[in-house]
Amino acid sequence: MSTPSQPVPEDRAVLEKREGNVATLILNRPERMNALNKDLATGLCDALGRLETDQDIDVVVIAGAGRAFCAGGDLGVIGKGRENNDLTDLDPILRAGMRAVLKIRTMRQPVIAAVHGAAAGAGMNIALAADIRIASEDATFGQNFAKVGLFPDYGGTFFLPELVGPAKAAEMFYTGDMIDAAEALRLGIVNRVVPLAQLESTVRTLAQKIASGPGIAIRAAKRVLFANQKEELTKALELEVEQQIKCFASEDCGEGIRAFFGKRPPKFEGK
């Protein structure tokens, strides 16, 4: 059993809580609905790396602070880079995301995503990378990249078709529309939907049940289910970054982000 972690300063991008041999990582930009900037993306990746080698931790939970799980990439940061034609801030968000989802899939510990509020874009794909997803009734999910002229990243093109089939994945990618928790459950995107007030206790009970199980057998099951896909997933992630950078440079992306902040429909021209 692990000892409780030292208190973590509340200004950290990712908070860590420990309860026995279960660690919970909390995405901590609540004022931005945990939208991913460089600090949050790299903080998540670094925290997963630490836990991966921690022999006292048998299950990892990922959750979000405030009113959402994760609203995806921070369009303020991305938009500024797009206007200046500068990848300085976007590139580390993409690269850290690649490493984070690879760690989630290949680390020895099972990973549970506890999703409430919005899980959009890269935020949805962080959840999809997890072994198990438990959602609250207020959770919403969406691959909303197309709404701002961007390409799915953080493993979305790999994870989503596996869960819902290529046709439904295509619809979600092409439209960028959000779905509610009930539809996510029907499609097999989440394992379970519970009232918001019960999300934390439900996830805690499940995590402790797994953590108290036969570790050798559970880790072997994870290797067969997920970790053996590392090479294929790595190729998909690299292709996503390549396509994302191309889309980032497009006029459609600039228009999509301007329209988002202008609160108006975008006028895409395929350029």
Protein backbone atom coordinates (compact mmCIF):
# COMPACT_ATOMS: atom_id res chain seq x y z
CA MET A 1 0.00 0.00 0.00
CA SER A 2 1.24 3.48 -0.74
CA THR A 3 1.36 6.29 1.74
CA PRO A 4 -0.69 9.42 1.06
CA SER A 5 1.03 11.84 -1.29
CA GLN A 6 2.20 15.21 -0.06
CA PRO A 7 -0.27 18.06 -0.62
CA VAL A 8 0.03 19.40 -4.14
CA PRO A 9 -0.12 23.18 -4.74
CA GLU A 10 -3.46 24.14 -6.25
CA ASP A 11 -1.78 26.06 -9.06
CA ARG A 12 -0.37 22.87 -10.54
CA ALA A 13 -1.76 22.00 -13.97
CA VAL A 14 -2.34 18.39 -12.87
CA LEU A 15 -3.18 17.49 -9.29
CA GLU A 16 -2.52 14.06 -7.82
CA LYS A 17 -4.44 12.33 -5.05
CA ARG A 18 -3.73 8.90 -3.63
CA GLU A 19 -6.00 6.54 -1.77
CA GLY A 20 -4.27 3.29 -0.98
CA ASN A 21 -2.94 1.87 -4.23
CA VAL A 22 -5.18 4.05 -6.43
CA ALA A 23 -3.89 7.35 -7.81
CA THR A 24 -6.18 10.01 -9.27
CA LEU A 25 -4.84 12.62 -11.69
CA ILE A 26 -7.01 15.73 -11.90
CA LEU A 27 -6.76 18.04 -14.91
CA ASN A 28 -6.63 21.42 -13.20
CA ARG A 29 -7.50 24.37 -15.40
CA PRO A 30 -11.12 24.71 -14.25
CA GLU A 31 -11.37 28.34 -15.36
CA ARG A 32 -10.78 27.09 -18.95
CA MET A 33 -12.80 23.86 -18.63
CA ASN A 34 -9.40 22.10 -18.50
CA ALA A 35 -8.59 23.10 -22.07
CA LEU A 36 -5.19 21.79 -23.03
CA ASN A 37 -2.26 24.16 -23.13
CA LYS A 38 1.43 23.25 -22.96
CA ASP A 39 1.50 23.07 -19.15
CA LEU A 40 -1.55 20.83 -18.87
CA ALA A 41 -0.55 18.48 -21.70
CA THR A 42 3.02 18.07 -20.48
CA GLY A 43 1.88 17.89 -16.87
CA LEU A 44 -0.43 14.98 -17.64
CA CYS A 45 2.28 13.19 -19.60
CA ASP A 46 4.84 13.67 -16.81
CA ALA A 47 2.42 12.53 -14.09
CA LEU A 48 1.56 9.37 -16.04
CA GLY A 49 5.28 8.69 -16.46
CA ARG A 50 5.85 8.91 -12.72
CA LEU A 51 2.94 6.63 -11.91
CA GLU A 52 3.93 4.12 -14.57
CA THR A 53 7.01 3.18 -12.56
CA ASP A 54 5.41 3.47 -9.11
CA GLN A 55 5.10 -0.05 -7.74
CA ASP A 56 2.71 1.16 -5.02
CA ILE A 57 0.06 2.22 -7.53
CA ASP A 58 -2.14 -0.42 -9.17
CA VAL A 59 -4.91 1.69 -10.75
CA VAL A 60 -4.90 5.23 -12.18
CA VAL A 61 -7.97 7.45 -12.48
CA ILE A 62 -8.09 10.56 -14.70
CA ALA A 63 -10.66 13.24 -13.86
CA GLY A 64 -11.23 16.94 -14.41
CA ALA A 65 -11.57 19.82 -11.96
CA GLY A 66 -14.50 22.19 -12.09
CA ARG A 67 -17.43 21.77 -14.45
CA ALA A 68 -15.84 19.68 -17.22
CA PHE A 69 -13.53 16.78 -17.88
CA CYS A 70 -11.61 18.50 -20.69
CA ALA A 71 -12.83 20.89 -23.39
CA GLY A 72 -10.03 19.93 -25.80
CA GLY A 73 -7.22 22.10 -27.05
CA ASP A 74 -7.12 25.69 -25.80
CA LEU A 75 -8.34 27.62 -28.84
CA GLY A 76 -6.99 30.84 -27.42
CA VAL A 77 -3.47 29.42 -27.55
CA ILE A 78 -4.03 27.65 -30.87
CA GLY A 79 -5.67 30.70 -32.44
CA LYS A 80 -2.83 32.99 -31.45
CA GLY A 81 -0.35 30.59 -33.02
CA ARG A 82 -2.48 30.34 -36.16
CA GLU A 83 -2.63 34.10 -36.62
CA ASN A 84 1.15 34.31 -36.25
CA ASN A 85 1.78 31.13 -38.29
CA ASP A 86 3.75 29.87 -35.29
CA LEU A 87 3.78 26.23 -34.10
CA THR A 88 5.74 27.04 -30.93
CA ASP A 89 2.77 26.50 -28.60
CA LEU A 90 0.86 23.91 -30.64
CA ASP A 91 3.71 21.45 -31.18
CA PRO A 92 4.34 20.64 -27.48
CA ILE A 93 0.60 20.18 -26.92
CA LEU A 94 0.48 17.66 -29.77
CA ARG A 95 3.70 15.84 -28.82
CA ALA A 96 2.84 15.63 -25.12
CA GLY A 97 -0.59 14.33 -26.09
CA MET A 98 0.97 11.60 -28.20
CA ARG A 99 3.12 10.48 -25.29
CA ALA A 100 0.30 10.71 -22.78
CA VAL A 101 -2.15 8.51 -24.67
CA LEU A 102 0.60 6.00 -25.41
CA LYS A 103 1.37 5.83 -21.70
CA ILE A 104 -2.30 5.37 -20.83
CA ARG A 105 -2.55 2.47 -23.27
CA THR A 106 0.74 0.76 -22.43
CA MET A 107 1.39 1.46 -18.72
CA ARG A 108 1.00 -1.57 -16.51
CA GLN A 109 -1.83 -0.05 -14.47
CA PRO A 110 -5.44 -0.06 -15.66
CA VAL A 111 -6.66 3.50 -16.28
CA ILE A 112 -10.21 4.71 -15.61
CA ALA A 113 -11.55 7.99 -17.01
CA ALA A 114 -14.13 9.67 -14.75
CA VAL A 115 -15.97 11.99 -17.15
CA HIS A 116 -18.32 14.81 -16.21
CA GLY A 117 -19.35 17.81 -18.25
CA ALA A 118 -17.70 18.28 -21.62
CA ALA A 119 -15.19 15.81 -23.03
CA ALA A 120 -14.52 17.43 -26.37
CA GLY A 121 -11.85 17.03 -29.04
CA ALA A 122 -8.57 15.97 -27.48
CA GLY A 123 -10.39 15.80 -24.14
CA MET A 124 -12.68 13.10 -25.47
CA ASN A 125 -9.69 11.25 -26.85
CA ILE A 126 -7.87 11.25 -23.52
CA ALA A 127 -10.97 9.53 -22.15
CA LEU A 128 -11.03 7.10 -25.09
CA ALA A 129 -7.42 6.13 -24.38
CA ALA A 130 -8.42 4.88 -20.93
CA ASP A 131 -9.23 1.21 -20.34
CA ILE A 132 -12.63 2.06 -18.83
CA ARG A 133 -14.85 5.15 -18.94
CA ILE A 134 -17.48 6.04 -16.35
CA ALA A 135 -19.58 9.11 -17.18
CA SER A 136 -21.96 11.27 -15.23
CA GLU A 137 -25.41 12.02 -16.62
CA ASP A 138 -24.32 15.55 -17.56
CA ALA A 139 -21.34 14.37 -19.63
CA THR A 140 -21.16 15.24 -23.32
CA PHE A 141 -18.74 13.93 -25.93
CA GLY A 142 -17.65 15.27 -29.29
CA GLN A 143 -14.96 15.21 -31.94
CA ASN A 144 -15.40 18.91 -32.57
CA PHE A 145 -12.20 19.47 -34.57
CA ALA A 146 -14.04 20.00 -37.87
CA LYS A 147 -15.90 22.98 -36.44
CA VAL A 148 -12.60 24.89 -36.38
CA GLY A 149 -10.94 23.31 -39.42
CA LEU A 150 -8.65 20.99 -37.48
CA PHE A 151 -7.86 17.27 -37.60
CA PRO A 152 -8.58 14.75 -34.82
CA ASP A 153 -5.59 14.12 -32.56
CA TYR A 154 -4.66 12.41 -29.27
CA GLY A 155 -5.49 9.05 -30.85
CA GLY A 156 -9.09 9.79 -31.82
CA THR A 157 -8.76 8.30 -35.32
CA PHE A 158 -7.50 5.08 -33.73
CA PHE A 159 -9.76 4.77 -30.67
CA LEU A 160 -13.16 5.93 -31.90
CA PRO A 161 -13.62 3.61 -34.93
CA GLU A 162 -12.68 0.67 -32.69
CA LEU A 163 -15.54 1.53 -30.34
CA VAL A 164 -18.32 2.70 -32.64
CA GLY A 165 -17.30 1.47 -36.11
CA PRO A 166 -15.94 3.55 -38.99
CA ALA A 167 -19.29 4.89 -40.23
CA LYS A 168 -20.35 6.40 -36.89
CA ALA A 169 -16.81 7.63 -36.27
CA ALA A 170 -16.88 9.33 -39.68
CA GLU A 171 -20.14 11.08 -38.80
CA MET A 172 -18.68 12.37 -35.55
CA PHE A 173 -15.43 13.48 -37.20
CA TYR A 174 -17.12 15.14 -40.19
CA THR A 175 -19.81 17.04 -38.25
CA GLY A 176 -18.08 17.75 -34.94
CA ASP A 177 -21.45 17.40 -33.21
CA MET A 178 -21.64 16.58 -29.51
CA ILE A 179 -23.56 13.61 -28.08
CA ASP A 180 -24.95 13.17 -24.59
CA ALA A 181 -24.04 10.53 -22.04
CA ALA A 182 -27.02 8.30 -22.86
CA GLU A 183 -25.99 8.16 -26.54
CA ALA A 184 -22.37 7.54 -25.56
CA LEU A 185 -23.52 4.58 -23.48
CA ARG A 186 -25.66 3.24 -26.33
CA LEU A 187 -22.69 3.45 -28.70
CA GLY A 188 -20.33 1.71 -26.28
CA ILE A 189 -18.15 4.78 -25.76
CA VAL A 190 -18.66 4.61 -22.00
CA ASN A 191 -19.06 1.63 -19.70
CA ARG A 192 -21.56 3.18 -17.35
CA VAL A 193 -23.54 6.38 -16.73
CA VAL A 194 -24.34 7.50 -13.18
CA PRO A 195 -25.75 10.62 -11.53
CA LEU A 196 -23.11 13.33 -11.12
CA ALA A 197 -23.29 13.08 -7.33
CA GLN A 198 -22.38 9.40 -7.56
CA LEU A 199 -19.54 9.65 -10.10
CA GLU A 200 -16.65 9.94 -7.66
CA SER A 201 -17.87 7.14 -5.37
CA THR A 202 -18.69 4.84 -8.30
CA VAL A 203 -15.24 5.30 -9.81
CA ARG A 204 -13.56 4.89 -6.42
CA THR A 205 -15.39 1.61 -5.77
CA LEU A 206 -14.50 0.24 -9.20
CA ALA A 207 -10.86 1.34 -8.92
CA GLN A 208 -10.47 -0.24 -5.49
CA LYS A 209 -12.10 -3.46 -6.70
CA ILE A 210 -9.61 -3.69 -9.58
CA ALA A 211 -6.68 -2.70 -7.35
CA SER A 212 -7.50 -5.48 -4.91
CA GLY A 213 -7.69 -8.09 -7.67
CA PRO A 214 -5.01 -10.45 -9.01
CA GLY A 215 -2.44 -7.99 -10.33
CA ILE A 216 -0.53 -10.41 -12.53
CA ALA A 217 -3.68 -11.55 -14.33
CA ILE A 218 -5.10 -8.04 -14.68
CA ARG A 219 -1.85 -6.63 -16.07
CA ALA A 220 -1.64 -9.54 -18.52
CA ALA A 221 -5.20 -8.82 -19.68
CA LYS A 222 -4.31 -5.17 -20.26
CA ARG A 223 -1.28 -6.13 -22.32
CA VAL A 224 -3.41 -8.32 -24.57
CA LEU A 225 -6.29 -5.85 -24.86
CA PHE A 226 -4.38 -2.61 -25.30
CA ALA A 227 -0.60 -2.58 -24.88
CA ASN A 228 -0.03 -4.93 -27.81
CA GLN A 229 -1.41 -2.18 -30.08
CA LYS A 230 1.51 0.15 -29.35
CA GLU A 231 3.10 0.03 -32.80
CA GLU A 232 -0.17 0.55 -34.65
CA LEU A 233 -1.24 3.34 -32.28
CA THR A 234 2.13 5.09 -32.60
CA LYS A 235 1.76 5.20 -36.40
CA ALA A 236 -1.75 6.61 -36.07
CA LEU A 237 -0.58 9.29 -33.65
CA GLU A 238 2.26 10.34 -35.93
CA LEU A 239 -0.13 10.60 -38.89
CA GLU A 240 -2.53 12.66 -36.78
CA VAL A 241 0.19 15.17 -35.91
CA GLU A 242 1.23 15.41 -39.57
CA GLN A 243 -2.34 16.09 -40.70
CA GLN A 244 -3.06 18.41 -37.78
CA ILE A 245 -0.13 20.65 -38.69
CA LYS A 246 -1.34 20.80 -42.32
CA CYS A 247 -4.85 21.71 -41.22
CA PHE A 248 -3.48 24.25 -38.72
CA ALA A 249 -1.87 26.12 -41.62
CA SER A 250 -5.08 26.20 -43.67
CA GLU A 251 -7.28 29.24 -44.22
CA ASP A 252 -10.23 27.15 -43.02
CA CYS A 253 -8.59 26.75 -39.62
CA GLY A 254 -8.06 30.48 -39.28
CA GLU A 255 -11.67 31.11 -40.27
CA GLY A 256 -12.97 28.41 -37.91
CA ILE A 257 -11.18 29.85 -34.90
CA ARG A 258 -12.19 33.44 -35.74
CA ALA A 259 -15.80 32.30 -36.09
CA PHE A 260 -15.62 30.45 -32.76
CA PHE A 261 -14.51 33.55 -30.88
CA GLY A 262 -16.86 35.73 -32.92
CA LYS A 263 -19.74 33.43 -31.98
CA ARG A 264 -20.84 33.10 -35.59
CA PRO A 265 -21.06 30.25 -38.13
CA PRO A 266 -17.77 29.73 -40.00
CA LYS A 267 -17.59 30.25 -43.76
CA PHE A 268 -15.23 27.53 -44.92
CA GLU A 269 -13.86 27.64 -48.47
CA GLY A 270 -11.77 24.47 -48.57
CA LYS A 271 -8.48 26.35 -48.58
